[in-house]
C-alpha atoms as a PDB file:
ATOM      1  CA  MET A   1       0.000   0.000   0.000  1.00  0.00           C
ATOM      2  CA  ALA A   2       1.197   3.518  -0.678  1.00  0.00           C
ATOM      3  CA  ARG A   3       2.613   5.172   2.412  1.00  0.00           C
ATOM      4  CA  PHE A   4       0.427   7.893   3.929  1.00  0.00           C
ATOM      5  CA  PRO A   5       2.388  11.163   3.838  1.00  0.00           C
ATOM      6  CA  THR A   6       3.759  12.761   6.998  1.00  0.00           C
ATOM      7  CA  ARG A   7       4.620  16.257   5.746  1.00  0.00           C
ATOM      8  CA  GLU A   8       1.782  18.728   6.000  1.00  0.00           C
ATOM      9  CA  ALA A   9       2.206  19.999   2.432  1.00  0.00           C
ATOM     10  CA  GLU A  10       2.035  16.440   1.079  1.00  0.00           C
ATOM     11  CA  ILE A  11      -1.047  15.673   3.208  1.00  0.00           C
ATOM     12  CA  ALA A  12      -2.793  18.755   1.834  1.00  0.00           C
ATOM     13  CA  ALA A  13      -1.839  17.792  -1.741  1.00  0.00           C
ATOM     14  CA  LEU A  14      -3.226  14.271  -1.279  1.00  0.00           C
ATOM     15  CA  ALA A  15      -6.419  15.725   0.193  1.00  0.00           C
ATOM     16  CA  GLY A  16      -6.822  17.779  -2.981  1.00  0.00           C
ATOM     17  CA  ASP A  17      -6.381  14.653  -5.135  1.00  0.00           C
ATOM     18  CA  ILE A  18      -8.963  12.770  -3.057  1.00  0.00           C
ATOM     19  CA  ILE A  19     -11.507  15.597  -3.307  1.00  0.00           C
ATOM     20  CA  HIS A  20     -10.992  15.821  -7.067  1.00  0.00           C
ATOM     21  CA  GLY A  21     -11.333  12.049  -7.451  1.00  0.00           C
ATOM     22  CA  LEU A  22     -14.478  11.817  -5.334  1.00  0.00           C
ATOM     23  CA  THR A  23     -16.046  14.714  -7.249  1.00  0.00           C
ATOM     24  CA  GLN A  24     -15.176  13.507 -10.751  1.00  0.00           C
ATOM     25  CA  TYR A  25     -15.627   9.743 -10.329  1.00  0.00           C
ATOM     26  CA  THR A  26     -18.808   9.338  -8.301  1.00  0.00           C
ATOM     27  CA  GLU A  27     -19.708   6.093 -10.059  1.00  0.00           C
ATOM     28  CA  ASP A  28     -16.487   4.462  -8.841  1.00  0.00           C
ATOM     29  CA  PHE A  29     -16.804   5.815  -5.290  1.00  0.00           C
ATOM     30  CA  PRO A  30     -20.558   6.280  -4.734  1.00  0.00           C
ATOM     31  CA  ALA A  31     -20.740   6.341  -0.921  1.00  0.00           C
ATOM     32  CA  PRO A  32     -17.504   7.407   0.760  1.00  0.00           C
ATOM     33  CA  PRO A  33     -17.512   7.600   4.568  1.00  0.00           C
ATOM     34  CA  VAL A  34     -16.552  11.276   4.306  1.00  0.00           C
ATOM     35  CA  ALA A  35     -18.132  13.226   1.442  1.00  0.00           C
ATOM     36  CA  ALA A  36     -16.005  15.483  -0.764  1.00  0.00           C
ATOM     37  CA  PRO A  37     -17.574  18.727   0.554  1.00  0.00           C
ATOM     38  CA  GLU A  38     -17.007  17.574   4.116  1.00  0.00           C
ATOM     39  CA  LEU A  39     -13.350  16.806   3.386  1.00  0.00           C
ATOM     40  CA  GLN A  40     -13.011  20.195   1.675  1.00  0.00           C
ATOM     41  CA  THR A  41     -14.362  21.823   4.835  1.00  0.00           C
ATOM     42  CA  ALA A  42     -11.700  19.941   6.821  1.00  0.00           C
ATOM     43  CA  VAL A  43      -9.037  21.222   4.415  1.00  0.00           C
ATOM     44  CA  ASP A  44     -10.308  24.791   4.731  1.00  0.00           C
ATOM     45  CA  THR A  45     -10.384  24.536   8.523  1.00  0.00           C
ATOM     46  CA  TYR A  46      -6.820  23.216   8.574  1.00  0.00           C
ATOM     47  CA  VAL A  47      -5.545  25.910   6.182  1.00  0.00           C
ATOM     48  CA  ALA A  48      -7.135  28.662   8.285  1.00  0.00           C
ATOM     49  CA  ALA A  49      -5.704  27.190  11.479  1.00  0.00           C
ATOM     50  CA  ARG A  50      -2.261  26.856   9.879  1.00  0.00           C
ATOM     51  CA  GLU A  51      -2.250  30.474   8.744  1.00  0.00           C
ATOM     52  CA  SER A  52      -3.310  31.566  12.217  1.00  0.00           C
ATOM     53  CA  ALA A  53      -0.542  29.497  13.780  1.00  0.00           C
ATOM     54  CA  VAL A  54       2.096  30.940  11.449  1.00  0.00           C
ATOM     55  CA  THR A  55       0.913  34.478  12.186  1.00  0.00           C
ATOM     56  CA  ALA A  56       1.002  33.860  15.899  1.00  0.00           C
ATOM     57  CA  GLU A  57       4.229  31.831  15.936  1.00  0.00           C
ATOM     58  CA  GLY A  58       6.230  32.400  19.079  1.00  0.00           C
ATOM     59  CA  THR A  59       3.402  34.146  20.901  1.00  0.00           C
ATOM     60  CA  ALA A  60       0.469  31.752  20.894  1.00  0.00           C
ATOM     61  CA  ALA A  61       1.142  28.038  21.286  1.00  0.00           C
ATOM     62  CA  GLU A  62      -2.621  27.502  21.409  1.00  0.00           C
ATOM     63  CA  ALA A  63      -2.847  28.381  17.728  1.00  0.00           C
ATOM     64  CA  PHE A  64      -0.510  25.508  16.870  1.00  0.00           C
ATOM     65  CA  ASP A  65      -2.539  23.154  19.035  1.00  0.00           C
ATOM     66  CA  THR A  66      -5.654  24.183  17.111  1.00  0.00           C
ATOM     67  CA  LYS A  67      -3.801  23.676  13.826  1.00  0.00           C
ATOM     68  CA  ASP A  68      -2.626  20.208  14.898  1.00  0.00           C
ATOM     69  CA  GLU A  69      -6.150  19.228  15.905  1.00  0.00           C
ATOM     70  CA  ALA A  70      -7.480  20.413  12.546  1.00  0.00           C
ATOM     71  CA  LEU A  71      -4.736  18.490  10.735  1.00  0.00           C
ATOM     72  CA  GLN A  72      -5.543  15.308  12.661  1.00  0.00           C
ATOM     73  CA  ALA A  73      -9.236  15.641  11.812  1.00  0.00           C
ATOM     74  CA  LEU A  74      -8.299  16.026   8.151  1.00  0.00           C
ATOM     75  CA  ILE A  75      -6.018  12.955   8.300  1.00  0.00           C
ATOM     76  CA  ASP A  76      -8.737  10.873   9.952  1.00  0.00           C
ATOM     77  CA  GLY A  77     -11.193  11.761   7.194  1.00  0.00           C
ATOM     78  CA  MET A  78      -8.658  11.029   4.459  1.00  0.00           C
ATOM     79  CA  ARG A  79      -7.705   7.660   5.934  1.00  0.00           C
ATOM     80  CA  ALA A  80     -11.367   6.655   6.216  1.00  0.00           C
ATOM     81  CA  ILE A  81     -11.931   7.483   2.553  1.00  0.00           C
ATOM     82  CA  LEU A  82      -8.810   5.630   1.416  1.00  0.00           C
ATOM     83  CA  ARG A  83      -9.735   2.492   3.377  1.00  0.00           C
ATOM     84  CA  TYR A  84     -13.204   2.658   1.821  1.00  0.00           C
ATOM     85  CA  ALA A  85     -11.714   3.154  -1.653  1.00  0.00           C
ATOM     86  CA  GLU A  86      -9.342   0.206  -1.278  1.00  0.00           C
ATOM     87  CA  GLY A  87     -12.288  -2.008  -0.391  1.00  0.00           C
ATOM     88  CA  ILE A  88     -14.751  -0.875  -3.025  1.00  0.00           C
ATOM     89  CA  ALA A  89     -12.089  -0.781  -5.764  1.00  0.00           C
ATOM     90  CA  ARG A  90     -10.634  -4.144  -4.654  1.00  0.00           C
ATOM     91  CA  TYR A  91      -7.191  -2.547  -4.732  1.00  0.00           C
ATOM     92  CA  ASP A  92      -7.519  -1.746  -8.433  1.00  0.00           C
ATOM     93  CA  GLU A  93      -4.463   0.409  -9.168  1.00  0.00           C
ATOM     94  CA  GLY A  94      -6.229   2.435 -11.866  1.00  0.00           C
ATOM     95  CA  LYS A  95      -9.204   3.325  -9.708  1.00  0.00           C
ATOM     96  CA  LEU A  96      -7.107   4.157  -6.650  1.00  0.00           C
ATOM     97  CA  LYS A  97      -4.993   6.513  -8.748  1.00  0.00           C
ATOM     98  CA  LEU A  98      -8.158   8.535  -9.315  1.00  0.00           C
ATOM     99  CA  LEU A  99      -7.800   9.554  -5.650  1.00  0.00           C
ATOM    100  CA  GLY A 100      -4.033  10.012  -5.804  1.00  0.00           C
ATOM    101  CA  TRP A 101      -3.524   6.680  -4.047  1.00  0.00           C
ATOM    102  CA  SER A 102      -2.094   3.285  -5.065  1.00  0.00           C
ATOM    103  CA  ALA A 103      -2.607  -0.400  -4.368  1.00  0.00           C
ATOM    104  CA  ARG A 104      -0.897  -2.444  -1.702  1.00  0.00           C
ATOM    105  CA  ARG A 105       2.665  -3.397  -2.428  1.00  0.00           C
ATOM    106  CA  THR A 106       3.621  -7.056  -2.341  1.00  0.00           C
ATOM    107  CA  ARG A 107       5.625  -7.831   0.767  1.00  0.00           C
ATOM    108  CA  THR A 108       9.154  -8.937   0.111  1.00  0.00           C
ATOM    109  CA  GLN A 109      10.616 -11.664   2.254  1.00  0.00           C
ATOM    110  CA  LEU A 110      13.368 -10.507   4.595  1.00  0.00           C
ATOM    111  CA  GLU A 111      16.791 -11.845   3.663  1.00  0.00           C
ATOM    112  CA  GLN A 112      19.448 -12.720   6.177  1.00  0.00           C
ATOM    113  CA  PRO A 113      22.327 -10.232   6.258  1.00  0.00           C
ATOM    114  CA  GLY A 114      25.513 -10.588   4.271  1.00  0.00           C
ATOM    115  CA  GLN A 115      29.018 -11.086   5.594  1.00  0.00           C
ATOM    116  CA  VAL A 116      30.536  -8.476   7.891  1.00  0.00           C
ATOM    117  CA  ARG A 117      33.600  -6.898   6.279  1.00  0.00           C
ATOM    118  CA  THR A 118      36.980  -5.709   7.501  1.00  0.00           C
ATOM    119  CA  LEU A 119      36.906  -6.436  11.236  1.00  0.00           C
ATOM    120  CA  GLU A 120      39.833  -4.622  12.887  1.00  0.00           C
ATOM    121  CA  VAL A 121      41.315  -4.070  16.323  1.00  0.00           C
ATOM    122  CA  LYS A 122      41.427  -0.267  16.450  1.00  0.00           C
ATOM    123  CA  LYS A 123      42.732   0.111  20.000  1.00  0.00           C
ATOM    124  CA  GLU A 124      43.493  -2.114  22.948  1.00  0.00           C
ATOM    125  CA  GLY A 125      44.574  -1.876  26.564  1.00  0.00           C
ATOM    126  CA  PRO A 126      44.760  -3.908  29.767  1.00  0.00           C
ATOM    127  CA  GLY A 127      41.589  -6.021  29.747  1.00  0.00           C
ATOM    128  CA  TRP A 128      39.840  -4.197  26.873  1.00  0.00           C
ATOM    129  CA  VAL A 129      39.794  -4.007  23.099  1.00  0.00           C
ATOM    130  CA  PHE A 130      38.063  -1.663  20.661  1.00  0.00           C
ATOM    131  CA  LEU A 131      36.706  -3.503  17.608  1.00  0.00           C
ATOM    132  CA  ASP A 132      35.561  -1.852  14.387  1.00  0.00           C
ATOM    133  CA  TRP A 133      34.019  -3.391  11.249  1.00  0.00           C
ATOM    134  CA  LYS A 134      32.190  -2.553   8.030  1.00  0.00           C
ATOM    135  CA  PRO A 135      28.644  -3.662   7.089  1.00  0.00           C
ATOM    136  CA  SER A 136      27.996  -5.966   4.167  1.00  0.00           C
ATOM    137  CA  PHE A 137      27.033  -4.669   0.732  1.00  0.00           C
ATOM    138  CA  GLU A 138      24.681  -7.632   0.294  1.00  0.00           C
ATOM    139  CA  GLY A 139      21.774  -9.334   2.062  1.00  0.00           C
ATOM    140  CA  GLY A 140      18.944  -8.046   4.206  1.00  0.00           C
ATOM    141  CA  VAL A 141      18.829  -5.106   6.602  1.00  0.00           C
ATOM    142  CA  VAL A 142      20.959  -5.692   9.704  1.00  0.00           C
ATOM    143  CA  ALA A 143      19.221  -5.579  13.094  1.00  0.00           C
ATOM    144  CA  ALA A 144      22.351  -6.033  15.228  1.00  0.00           C
ATOM    145  CA  TYR A 145      25.838  -7.506  15.317  1.00  0.00           C
ATOM    146  CA  ARG A 146      26.870 -10.493  17.428  1.00  0.00           C
ATOM    147  CA  ILE A 147      30.446 -10.573  18.688  1.00  0.00           C
ATOM    148  CA  GLN A 148      32.247 -13.783  19.644  1.00  0.00           C
ATOM    149  CA  HIS A 149      35.671 -14.515  21.035  1.00  0.00           C
ATOM    150  CA  ARG A 150      37.785 -17.543  21.938  1.00  0.00           C
ATOM    151  CA  GLN A 151      41.134 -18.349  23.398  1.00  0.00           C
ATOM    152  CA  ARG A 152      43.260 -19.215  20.439  1.00  0.00           C
ATOM    153  CA  ALA A 153      44.480 -22.411  22.096  1.00  0.00           C
ATOM    154  CA  ASP A 154      41.158 -24.224  22.683  1.00  0.00           C
ATOM    155  CA  GLY A 155      39.143 -22.982  19.688  1.00  0.00           C
ATOM    156  CA  SER A 156      35.770 -22.731  21.489  1.00  0.00           C
ATOM    157  CA  TRP A 157      33.833 -19.663  20.324  1.00  0.00           C
ATOM    158  CA  GLN A 158      31.623 -17.841  22.865  1.00  0.00           C
ATOM    159  CA  ASP A 159      29.095 -15.020  22.466  1.00  0.00           C
ATOM    160  CA  VAL A 160      30.470 -11.986  24.293  1.00  0.00           C
ATOM    161  CA  GLY A 161      28.386  -9.049  23.106  1.00  0.00           C
ATOM    162  CA  MET A 162      25.769  -7.497  20.818  1.00  0.00           C
ATOM    163  CA  SER A 163      25.939  -4.112  19.130  1.00  0.00           C
ATOM    164  CA  VAL A 164      23.664  -2.072  16.880  1.00  0.00           C
ATOM    165  CA  GLU A 165      26.683  -0.033  15.759  1.00  0.00           C
ATOM    166  CA  THR A 166      29.633  -1.124  13.601  1.00  0.00           C
ATOM    167  CA  GLU A 167      32.002  -0.886  16.545  1.00  0.00           C
ATOM    168  CA  MET A 168      32.217  -1.979  20.150  1.00  0.00           C
ATOM    169  CA  VAL A 169      34.525  -1.716  23.139  1.00  0.00           C
ATOM    170  CA  MET A 170      34.898  -5.110  24.786  1.00  0.00           C
ATOM    171  CA  GLY A 171      35.730  -4.712  28.479  1.00  0.00           C
ATOM    172  CA  ASN A 172      36.606  -7.226  31.191  1.00  0.00           C
ATOM    173  CA  GLN A 173      38.552  -9.376  28.771  1.00  0.00           C
ATOM    174  CA  GLU A 174      41.041 -11.980  29.930  1.00  0.00           C
ATOM    175  CA  ARG A 175      44.523 -10.579  30.302  1.00  0.00           C
ATOM    176  CA  GLY A 176      47.732 -12.215  29.187  1.00  0.00           C
ATOM    177  CA  THR A 177      45.897 -14.560  26.797  1.00  0.00           C
ATOM    178  CA  GLU A 178      45.705 -14.341  23.033  1.00  0.00           C
ATOM    179  CA  LEU A 179      42.032 -13.857  22.153  1.00  0.00           C
ATOM    180  CA  GLU A 180      40.467 -14.102  18.733  1.00  0.00           C
ATOM    181  CA  TYR A 181      37.348 -12.171  17.727  1.00  0.00           C
ATOM    182  CA  ARG A 182      34.757 -12.445  14.963  1.00  0.00           C
ATOM    183  CA  VAL A 183      31.457 -10.689  14.200  1.00  0.00           C
ATOM    184  CA  PHE A 184      28.159 -11.774  12.600  1.00  0.00           C
ATOM    185  CA  ALA A 185      25.364  -9.554  11.265  1.00  0.00           C
ATOM    186  CA  VAL A 186      21.911 -10.767  12.373  1.00  0.00           C
ATOM    187  CA  ASN A 187      18.230 -10.043  11.746  1.00  0.00           C
ATOM    188  CA  LYS A 188      14.941 -11.949  12.049  1.00  0.00           C
ATOM    189  CA  ALA A 189      15.787 -14.036   8.976  1.00  0.00           C
ATOM    190  CA  GLY A 190      19.032 -15.333  10.459  1.00  0.00           C
ATOM    191  CA  GLU A 191      22.679 -14.365  10.472  1.00  0.00           C
ATOM    192  CA  GLY A 192      25.255 -13.761   7.787  1.00  0.00           C
ATOM    193  CA  GLU A 193      28.658 -15.315   7.398  1.00  0.00           C
ATOM    194  CA  SER A 194      31.335 -14.632   9.950  1.00  0.00           C
ATOM    195  CA  SER A 195      33.672 -11.717   9.475  1.00  0.00           C
ATOM    196  CA  ASN A 196      37.402 -12.229   9.261  1.00  0.00           C
ATOM    197  CA  VAL A 197      39.082 -13.163  12.546  1.00  0.00           C
ATOM    198  CA  VAL A 198      41.335 -10.748  14.441  1.00  0.00           C
ATOM    199  CA  SER A 199      43.425 -11.392  17.543  1.00  0.00           C
ATOM    200  CA  ALA A 200      44.786  -9.424  20.484  1.00  0.00           C
ATOM    201  CA  VAL A 201      46.760 -10.057  23.680  1.00  0.00           C
ATOM    202  CA  LEU A 202      45.403  -7.699  26.344  1.00  0.00           C
END
């Protein structure tokens, strides 16, 4: 489905398209929940409230509250009409375009992320290490990154942290032991391939 606009100018423009469509194509949309004249009144009320708010900017917060209330009433009316139109037109793209709207978009399945790139040890100190990496160019949108480490001798990887950024400071790390680190990108579809492995003795 087309995304309902959030900018006031775009909302007003869509309202104009809806009013035009309802007025010109009454056979396609015979009984909308909000009639075109009623929606036009909502537009006029919003425009008047907006102009009042702009005039009174900085001196009358109430004017902006009135404008916001008028805008919300306009949005509610527009949404009701668009839901009605989607139903009566059975999501017909051509008919919905008469109101400046469009049919539902087909959902695309979420892909698991690609491989994390270029993991590096940027800084290190006694018991801590600062890791930095680059996101993948491929795969689905990343929700977070999972960091693992292991002692190089025994080879047993352990989860040691999660990050939503492409960097992380790992504190309270074992000292005097060579540790290896790797990072995976994860989302609801799964996880990507492991990054390269880096090592540090803290």
